Protein backbone atom coordinates (compact mmCIF):
# COMPACT_ATOMS: atom_id res chain seq x y z
CA MET A 1 -35.07 -14.89 5.64
CA SER A 2 -34.82 -15.28 1.86
CA SER A 3 -32.91 -11.97 1.58
CA ALA A 4 -30.55 -12.54 4.52
CA TRP A 5 -27.60 -12.77 2.14
CA LEU A 6 -28.19 -9.26 0.72
CA LEU A 7 -25.85 -6.45 1.78
CA PRO A 8 -26.66 -2.73 2.16
CA GLU A 9 -26.33 -0.50 -0.89
CA HIS A 10 -22.74 0.38 -1.84
CA ILE A 11 -21.42 -2.31 0.53
CA ALA A 12 -19.89 -5.42 -1.01
CA ASP A 13 -17.87 -8.50 -0.20
CA VAL A 14 -14.38 -8.68 -1.66
CA LEU A 15 -13.95 -12.05 -3.35
CA PRO A 16 -10.69 -14.04 -3.58
CA SER A 17 -9.21 -12.69 -6.81
CA GLN A 18 -9.72 -9.02 -5.94
CA ALA A 19 -8.90 -9.60 -2.26
CA ARG A 20 -5.55 -11.09 -3.29
CA ARG A 21 -4.78 -8.08 -5.49
CA ILE A 22 -5.80 -5.60 -2.76
CA GLU A 23 -3.68 -7.36 -0.15
CA GLU A 24 -0.64 -7.52 -2.44
CA LEU A 25 -1.04 -3.82 -3.18
CA ARG A 26 -1.47 -2.97 0.50
CA ARG A 27 1.80 -4.69 1.36
CA GLU A 28 3.60 -3.06 -1.57
CA LEU A 29 2.47 0.45 -0.61
CA LEU A 30 3.22 0.04 3.10
CA ASP A 31 6.71 -1.25 2.27
CA MET A 32 7.20 1.71 -0.08
CA ALA A 33 6.09 4.17 2.64
CA ARG A 34 8.53 2.52 5.03
CA SER A 35 11.33 3.12 2.52
CA TYR A 36 10.59 6.84 2.94
CA GLY A 37 10.93 6.53 6.72
CA CYS A 38 7.20 6.29 7.52
CA GLU A 39 6.09 4.43 10.64
CA LEU A 40 2.89 2.38 10.56
CA VAL A 41 0.03 3.21 12.95
CA ILE A 42 -3.30 1.39 13.32
CA PRO A 43 -5.95 3.68 14.86
CA PRO A 44 -9.26 2.21 16.10
CA LEU A 45 -12.26 2.00 13.80
CA LEU A 46 -14.48 3.42 16.58
CA GLU A 47 -13.83 6.65 18.48
CA HIS A 48 -15.53 9.49 20.34
CA LEU A 49 -17.52 11.62 17.94
CA ASP A 50 -15.93 14.98 18.83
CA SER A 51 -12.47 13.56 18.17
CA LEU A 52 -13.42 12.20 14.74
CA LEU A 53 -14.94 15.54 13.69
CA SER A 54 -11.88 17.59 14.54
CA GLY A 55 -10.49 19.73 11.74
CA THR A 56 -12.04 17.68 8.95
CA GLY A 57 -14.38 20.14 7.23
CA SER A 58 -18.13 20.64 7.26
CA ASP A 59 -19.10 17.54 5.28
CA SER A 60 -17.45 15.06 7.66
CA GLU A 61 -20.38 14.89 10.08
CA ILE A 62 -22.70 13.94 7.22
CA LYS A 63 -20.42 11.00 6.33
CA LEU A 64 -20.11 9.65 9.88
CA PHE A 65 -22.06 6.68 11.20
CA LYS A 66 -22.99 7.56 14.78
CA LEU A 67 -23.96 5.40 17.75
CA VAL A 68 -24.10 5.53 21.54
CA ASP A 69 -21.46 3.84 23.69
CA GLN A 70 -23.27 1.37 25.97
CA LEU A 71 -20.49 1.70 28.55
CA SER A 72 -20.19 5.48 28.87
CA GLY A 73 -23.33 6.85 27.19
CA ARG A 74 -21.16 9.10 25.01
CA SER A 75 -21.63 9.51 21.27
CA LEU A 76 -19.28 7.43 19.17
CA GLY A 77 -18.58 7.36 15.45
CA LEU A 78 -17.17 4.99 12.88
CA ARG A 79 -14.28 6.83 11.28
CA ALA A 80 -14.92 8.29 7.84
CA ASP A 81 -11.32 9.52 7.51
CA THR A 82 -8.20 8.35 9.34
CA THR A 83 -6.29 11.66 9.25
CA PRO A 84 -7.82 13.16 12.44
CA GLN A 85 -6.92 9.98 14.32
CA VAL A 86 -3.32 10.11 13.09
CA ALA A 87 -3.18 13.79 14.12
CA ARG A 88 -4.34 12.79 17.61
CA ILE A 89 -1.65 10.09 17.77
CA ASP A 90 1.02 12.56 16.70
CA ALA A 91 -0.17 15.24 19.13
CA HIS A 92 -0.71 13.20 22.29
CA LEU A 93 0.57 9.63 22.13
CA LEU A 94 3.86 10.23 20.33
CA ASN A 95 4.25 13.93 21.27
CA ARG A 96 7.58 14.16 19.48
CA GLN A 97 9.56 17.23 18.54
CA GLY A 98 10.67 17.62 14.95
CA VAL A 99 9.50 15.59 11.95
CA THR A 100 7.29 12.52 12.28
CA ARG A 101 6.30 10.43 9.25
CA LEU A 102 3.33 8.13 9.73
CA CYS A 103 1.40 5.81 7.41
CA TYR A 104 -1.75 3.74 7.80
CA CYS A 105 -4.06 1.43 5.92
CA GLY A 106 -7.51 0.40 7.12
CA PRO A 107 -11.23 0.55 6.39
CA VAL A 108 -13.34 3.67 6.84
CA ALA A 109 -17.14 3.91 6.70
CA HIS A 110 -19.27 6.49 4.89
CA THR A 111 -22.99 7.04 5.35
CA ARG A 112 -23.19 8.09 1.70
CA PRO A 113 -21.11 7.01 -1.30
CA ASP A 114 -18.81 9.55 -2.95
CA GLY A 115 -19.99 8.45 -6.41
CA LEU A 116 -22.29 6.09 -8.26
CA ASN A 117 -19.83 3.21 -8.36
CA THR A 118 -17.95 3.80 -5.11
CA SER A 119 -18.02 1.80 -1.90
CA ARG A 120 -19.25 3.14 1.42
CA GLU A 121 -16.45 1.11 3.00
CA PRO A 122 -13.23 2.28 1.34
CA LEU A 123 -9.90 0.76 2.33
CA GLN A 124 -7.94 3.93 3.01
CA PHE A 125 -4.17 4.07 2.61
CA GLY A 126 -2.47 7.29 3.57
CA VAL A 127 0.73 9.05 4.60
CA GLU A 128 1.15 12.04 6.92
CA ILE A 129 4.24 14.15 7.61
CA TYR A 130 4.13 16.28 10.76
CA GLY A 131 6.49 18.93 12.06
CA HIS A 132 7.84 20.64 8.93
CA ALA A 133 6.23 23.77 7.50
CA GLY A 134 8.49 24.08 4.45
CA LEU A 135 7.81 23.03 0.88
CA GLU A 136 10.20 20.12 1.28
CA ALA A 137 7.44 18.21 3.11
CA ASP A 138 4.86 19.04 0.43
CA LEU A 139 7.25 17.82 -2.27
CA GLU A 140 8.04 14.61 -0.39
CA VAL A 141 4.35 13.84 0.08
CA GLN A 142 3.64 14.41 -3.61
CA GLU A 143 6.60 12.29 -4.73
CA LEU A 144 5.50 9.53 -2.37
CA ALA A 145 1.98 9.71 -3.79
CA LEU A 146 3.28 9.46 -7.36
CA ASP A 147 5.55 6.57 -6.38
CA ALA A 148 2.56 4.79 -4.87
CA LEU A 149 0.62 5.06 -8.12
CA ARG A 150 3.66 3.94 -10.12
CA ARG A 151 4.22 0.93 -7.84
CA ALA A 152 0.57 0.03 -8.29
CA GLY A 153 1.06 -0.03 -12.05
CA LEU A 154 -0.97 3.07 -12.88
CA ASN A 155 0.21 4.78 -16.05
CA LYS A 156 -0.62 8.16 -17.61
CA VAL A 157 -1.09 10.02 -14.33
CA MET A 158 -2.00 13.69 -14.19
CA LEU A 159 -1.26 15.63 -11.02
CA ASP A 160 -3.55 18.61 -10.49
CA LEU A 161 -2.26 21.34 -8.15
CA GLY A 162 -3.94 24.22 -6.37
CA ASP A 163 -3.70 26.22 -3.16
CA ALA A 164 -6.30 27.22 -0.56
CA ARG A 165 -4.40 30.46 0.14
CA LEU A 166 -5.45 31.88 -3.22
CA LEU A 167 -9.06 32.22 -2.10
CA GLN A 168 -7.97 33.34 1.36
CA GLY A 169 -5.99 36.17 -0.22
CA VAL A 170 -8.76 37.15 -2.62
CA LEU A 171 -11.32 37.28 0.21
CA ASP A 172 -9.06 39.02 2.71
CA GLY A 173 -11.07 41.79 4.38
CA VAL A 174 -14.40 40.45 3.11
CA LYS A 175 -16.71 38.90 5.69
CA LEU A 176 -18.88 36.02 4.47
CA ALA A 177 -21.30 33.84 6.39
CA PRO A 178 -20.28 30.14 6.47
CA GLU A 179 -23.21 29.23 4.19
CA ALA A 180 -22.21 31.90 1.67
CA LEU A 181 -18.59 30.70 1.68
CA THR A 182 -19.73 27.10 1.11
CA ALA A 183 -21.90 28.16 -1.83
CA LEU A 184 -19.04 30.23 -3.24
CA THR A 185 -16.48 27.40 -3.11
CA ALA A 186 -19.02 25.00 -4.66
CA ALA A 187 -19.64 27.42 -7.55
CA LEU A 188 -15.90 27.85 -8.06
CA ALA A 189 -15.27 24.09 -8.09
CA ALA A 190 -18.11 23.62 -10.60
CA LYS A 191 -16.87 26.60 -12.63
CA ASP A 192 -20.43 27.89 -12.65
CA VAL A 193 -19.79 31.51 -13.66
CA ALA A 194 -23.48 32.40 -13.71
CA VAL A 195 -24.02 31.33 -10.10
CA LEU A 196 -20.70 32.89 -9.16
CA ALA A 197 -21.77 36.23 -10.64
CA THR A 198 -24.95 36.16 -8.53
CA LEU A 199 -23.10 35.21 -5.34
CA THR A 200 -20.52 37.98 -5.78
CA ALA A 201 -22.88 40.75 -6.86
CA ASP A 202 -22.55 42.66 -3.58
CA LEU A 203 -18.81 42.19 -3.09
CA PRO A 204 -16.17 44.88 -3.80
CA ALA A 205 -15.37 45.15 -7.50
CA ALA A 206 -11.75 43.98 -7.18
CA THR A 207 -12.77 40.94 -5.17
CA ARG A 208 -15.60 40.14 -7.56
CA ASP A 209 -13.33 40.39 -10.62
CA ALA A 210 -10.76 38.08 -9.02
CA LEU A 211 -13.39 35.48 -8.09
CA LEU A 212 -14.85 35.55 -11.60
CA ALA A 213 -11.35 35.07 -13.02
CA LEU A 214 -10.58 31.93 -10.98
CA PRO A 215 -12.73 29.47 -13.01
CA SER A 216 -10.74 30.27 -16.16
CA LEU A 217 -7.38 29.76 -14.46
CA PHE A 218 -6.70 26.13 -15.28
CA GLY A 219 -4.21 24.44 -17.57
CA GLY A 220 -0.43 24.10 -17.66
CA ARG A 221 2.29 25.97 -15.83
CA GLU A 222 1.55 29.13 -17.83
CA VAL A 223 -1.60 29.50 -15.72
CA LEU A 224 0.54 30.67 -12.80
CA ALA A 225 1.85 33.67 -14.73
CA GLU A 226 -1.68 34.52 -15.88
CA ALA A 227 -2.95 34.26 -12.30
CA ALA A 228 -0.24 36.67 -11.15
CA ARG A 229 -1.59 39.21 -13.64
CA ARG A 230 -5.29 38.74 -12.91
CA LEU A 231 -5.40 38.16 -9.16
CA PRO A 232 -4.74 40.83 -6.52
CA ALA A 233 -1.17 41.48 -5.37
CA HIS A 234 -1.76 39.97 -1.94
CA PRO A 235 0.98 38.24 0.12
CA LEU A 236 -1.03 35.00 0.36
CA VAL A 237 -1.71 34.96 -3.39
CA GLU A 238 1.92 35.69 -4.22
CA ALA A 239 3.19 33.02 -1.80
CA ALA A 240 0.76 30.42 -3.18
CA LEU A 241 1.75 31.06 -6.81
CA ALA A 242 5.47 31.03 -5.97
CA ASP A 243 5.13 27.75 -4.07
CA LEU A 244 3.14 26.12 -6.88
CA ASP A 245 5.82 27.16 -9.38
CA TRP A 246 8.59 25.79 -7.15
CA LEU A 247 6.83 22.44 -6.77
CA ALA A 248 6.11 22.25 -10.50
CA GLY A 249 9.80 22.72 -11.30
CA HIS A 250 10.94 19.99 -8.91
CA LEU A 251 8.22 17.52 -9.88
CA ALA A 252 8.88 17.98 -13.60
CA ALA A 253 12.57 17.25 -13.06
CA VAL A 254 12.00 13.99 -11.17
CA HIS A 255 8.73 12.80 -12.73
CA PRO A 256 8.80 13.85 -16.40
CA GLU A 257 6.28 11.11 -17.18
CA VAL A 258 3.60 12.81 -15.05
CA SER A 259 1.39 15.51 -16.59
CA LEU A 260 1.21 18.55 -14.32
CA GLY A 261 -1.89 20.68 -14.34
CA PHE A 262 -3.24 23.59 -12.31
CA ASP A 263 -6.87 24.29 -11.47
CA LEU A 264 -6.91 27.35 -9.24
CA ALA A 265 -10.68 27.24 -8.78
CA ASP A 266 -10.76 23.63 -7.55
CA LEU A 267 -11.31 24.22 -3.85
CA GLN A 268 -12.55 20.81 -2.71
CA GLY A 269 -11.83 20.52 0.99
CA TYR A 270 -11.36 24.30 1.31
CA GLY A 271 -12.34 24.19 4.99
CA TYR A 272 -9.70 21.52 5.58
CA TYR A 273 -6.63 22.46 3.56
CA THR A 274 -4.51 25.44 4.62
CA GLY A 275 -2.10 25.61 1.68
CA ILE A 276 -1.04 23.44 -1.26
CA ARG A 277 -3.62 20.84 -2.30
CA PHE A 278 -3.32 18.23 -5.03
CA ALA A 279 -5.24 15.46 -6.74
CA ALA A 280 -4.04 12.69 -9.04
CA TYR A 281 -6.08 11.47 -12.00
CA SER A 282 -5.68 8.50 -14.30
CA ALA A 283 -6.58 8.25 -17.97
CA GLY A 284 -10.16 7.09 -18.41
CA CYS A 285 -11.19 7.92 -14.82
CA SER A 286 -13.08 11.15 -14.13
CA ASP A 287 -12.69 10.99 -10.34
CA ALA A 288 -9.42 11.63 -8.53
CA VAL A 289 -7.47 8.50 -7.61
CA LEU A 290 -5.95 10.22 -4.58
CA ARG A 291 -6.12 13.60 -2.87
CA GLY A 292 -3.81 15.37 -0.49
CA GLY A 293 -2.22 18.61 0.55
CA ARG A 294 -1.29 20.70 3.56
CA TYR A 295 -3.59 20.90 6.59
CA ASP A 296 -1.75 22.63 9.39
CA GLU A 297 -4.85 23.07 11.58
CA VAL A 298 -5.72 19.38 11.85
CA GLY A 299 -4.04 18.96 15.26
CA ALA A 300 -5.22 22.25 16.79
CA VAL A 301 -8.27 20.69 18.43
CA PHE A 302 -5.94 18.31 20.29
CA GLY A 303 -4.05 21.27 21.73
CA ARG A 304 -0.98 20.90 19.53
CA ARG A 305 -1.00 22.68 16.21
CA ARG A 306 1.68 21.09 14.03
CA PRO A 307 2.55 21.63 10.38
CA ALA A 308 1.06 18.68 8.50
CA ALA A 309 0.95 17.42 4.92
CA GLY A 310 -0.26 14.14 3.50
CA PHE A 311 -2.50 12.25 1.11
CA SER A 312 -4.86 9.29 1.04
CA LEU A 313 -6.39 6.93 -1.50
CA ASP A 314 -8.85 4.04 -1.61
CA LEU A 315 -7.17 0.72 -2.37
CA LYS A 316 -10.48 -0.81 -3.50
CA THR A 317 -10.79 1.83 -6.20
CA LEU A 318 -7.11 1.80 -7.13
CA VAL A 319 -7.04 -1.95 -7.70
CA THR A 320 -9.77 -1.65 -10.34
CA LEU A 321 -7.64 0.80 -12.35
CA VAL A 322 -4.37 -1.12 -12.54
CA PRO A 323 -3.52 -4.23 -14.58
CA ALA A 324 -4.30 -7.55 -12.94
CA THR A 325 -1.32 -9.31 -11.41
CA PRO A 326 -0.60 -12.88 -12.51
CA LEU A 327 -1.66 -15.75 -10.31
CA ARG A 328 0.97 -16.90 -7.87
CA ALA A 329 2.82 -20.05 -8.94
CA ALA A 330 2.02 -23.00 -6.72
CA VAL A 331 2.71 -26.68 -6.24
CA ARG A 332 -0.14 -29.16 -6.43
CA ALA A 333 0.12 -32.05 -4.01
CA PRO A 334 -2.02 -35.09 -3.33
CA TRP A 335 -3.71 -35.45 0.01
CA GLY A 336 -2.60 -38.36 2.13
CA ASP A 337 -1.76 -39.44 5.65
CA ASP A 338 1.66 -40.69 4.65
CA ALA A 339 4.15 -39.09 7.04
CA SER A 340 6.79 -38.56 4.36
CA LEU A 341 4.25 -36.76 2.12
CA ARG A 342 3.13 -34.45 4.92
CA GLN A 343 6.77 -33.75 5.78
CA ALA A 344 7.57 -32.90 2.13
CA VAL A 345 4.59 -30.53 1.95
CA ARG A 346 5.64 -28.79 5.17
CA ALA A 347 9.23 -28.42 3.96
CA LEU A 348 8.09 -26.78 0.72
CA ARG A 349 5.87 -24.33 2.61
CA GLU A 350 8.73 -23.43 4.94
CA GLN A 351 10.79 -22.60 1.84
CA GLY A 352 8.13 -20.06 0.83
CA GLU A 353 6.26 -22.21 -1.70
CA THR A 354 2.49 -22.30 -1.94
CA VAL A 355 1.38 -25.92 -1.79
CA VAL A 356 -2.26 -26.72 -2.56
CA CYS A 357 -3.28 -30.15 -1.33
CA VAL A 358 -6.00 -31.68 -3.50
CA LEU A 359 -8.64 -33.14 -1.22
CA PRO A 360 -10.24 -36.45 -2.25
CA GLY A 361 -12.92 -35.99 -4.91
CA HIS A 362 -11.85 -32.45 -5.87
CA GLU A 363 -9.06 -33.16 -8.32
CA HIS A 364 -10.46 -30.99 -11.12
CA GLU A 365 -11.58 -27.88 -9.24
CA ALA A 366 -10.16 -24.48 -10.23
CA ASP A 367 -8.49 -22.30 -7.63
CA GLU A 368 -6.77 -18.95 -7.16
CA PHE A 369 -3.31 -20.34 -7.77
CA ASP A 370 -1.37 -21.25 -10.89
CA CYS A 371 -0.29 -24.78 -10.11
CA ASP A 372 2.60 -25.13 -12.54
CA ARG A 373 4.26 -27.97 -10.63
CA GLU A 374 3.14 -31.05 -8.75
CA LEU A 375 4.49 -33.09 -5.89
CA VAL A 376 4.85 -36.73 -6.94
CA ARG A 377 6.42 -39.82 -5.51
CA GLU A 378 9.41 -41.26 -7.26
CA HIS A 379 10.57 -44.46 -5.67
CA ALA A 380 10.95 -43.65 -1.96
CA ASP A 381 11.12 -39.85 -2.31
CA TRP A 382 8.65 -37.02 -2.92
CA VAL A 383 9.86 -34.68 -5.67
CA VAL A 384 8.50 -31.57 -7.40
CA ARG A 385 7.89 -31.99 -11.12
CA ALA A 386 6.81 -29.41 -13.70
CA LEU A 387 3.27 -29.79 -15.05
């Protein structure tokens, strides 16, 4: 029993200081999402396995913890991503016509960590907009994502944009086995031209040339014009490049402080996204802080295909990247069974003050609060006095 206090790898307790910062950030972001018209939903942590695997891409099953329901005998899973659950809520429980904006914040569980220093129990915050196929929804989602990072205190943000339709257009008419497509998208994301050359050796020359061009198509807005010259004149390619240019223009006008970049070979989540995809990065952090995009097929498995766009981020990761918030000011009060003292403490708390009662024998212990005032007795009254 000597190791009973140990936790599994990449699983950790959140201690008071960080827990306070995470909770403050959670409230801030949910309030911000509400200001955009988003409604909060709280899906269950546990759900039927087939529902959790709907429309989420090939790597989702690997991430899912699976178990058997002792009541029904069916296979259950701990959610690894909340988006399929929100799609189910939109499709069947709400079943609205027109636009629905939903937000959520809750833990997810991964069988494997996404990186060396990442948790297998992220606290996922996300926003989804259903029911609008136009670029206005994509732009709103991206502006909301940037506002979330700004509210969190994250500076020097770079927004990286791409589009799944580029590869769809390049590969139009070419049949690839699922394993070959997975290997191809991995080589493109890694910009491994040597592997890419091997994988495309038997493809038509025009397709091969376009695929080999994609890894070099990254940089500023000028990349879009270069892509138009080097990629095939396909309707999907042309639509993707036009949409990326439109979004870049609107984002630059509203968020001049954000660096916009384009990486047309970054196809992470290719099996999931159906159009625009984006990722936000912060200075000094190699991994994306948040990811999002358009995924119009996510509700199809529930019998109701709806246009959908959104993003998600891990609050546990985000809180490590932003400046620490100051301790909350508090009032220090003595402990006592005097009725007037207890009444004074209760009145201060009802006014929104944090009052920390010092228990006998613990007068010099540190705490999570900045006690800049104290409750003292002056004559017959209890008054607050600055420390």
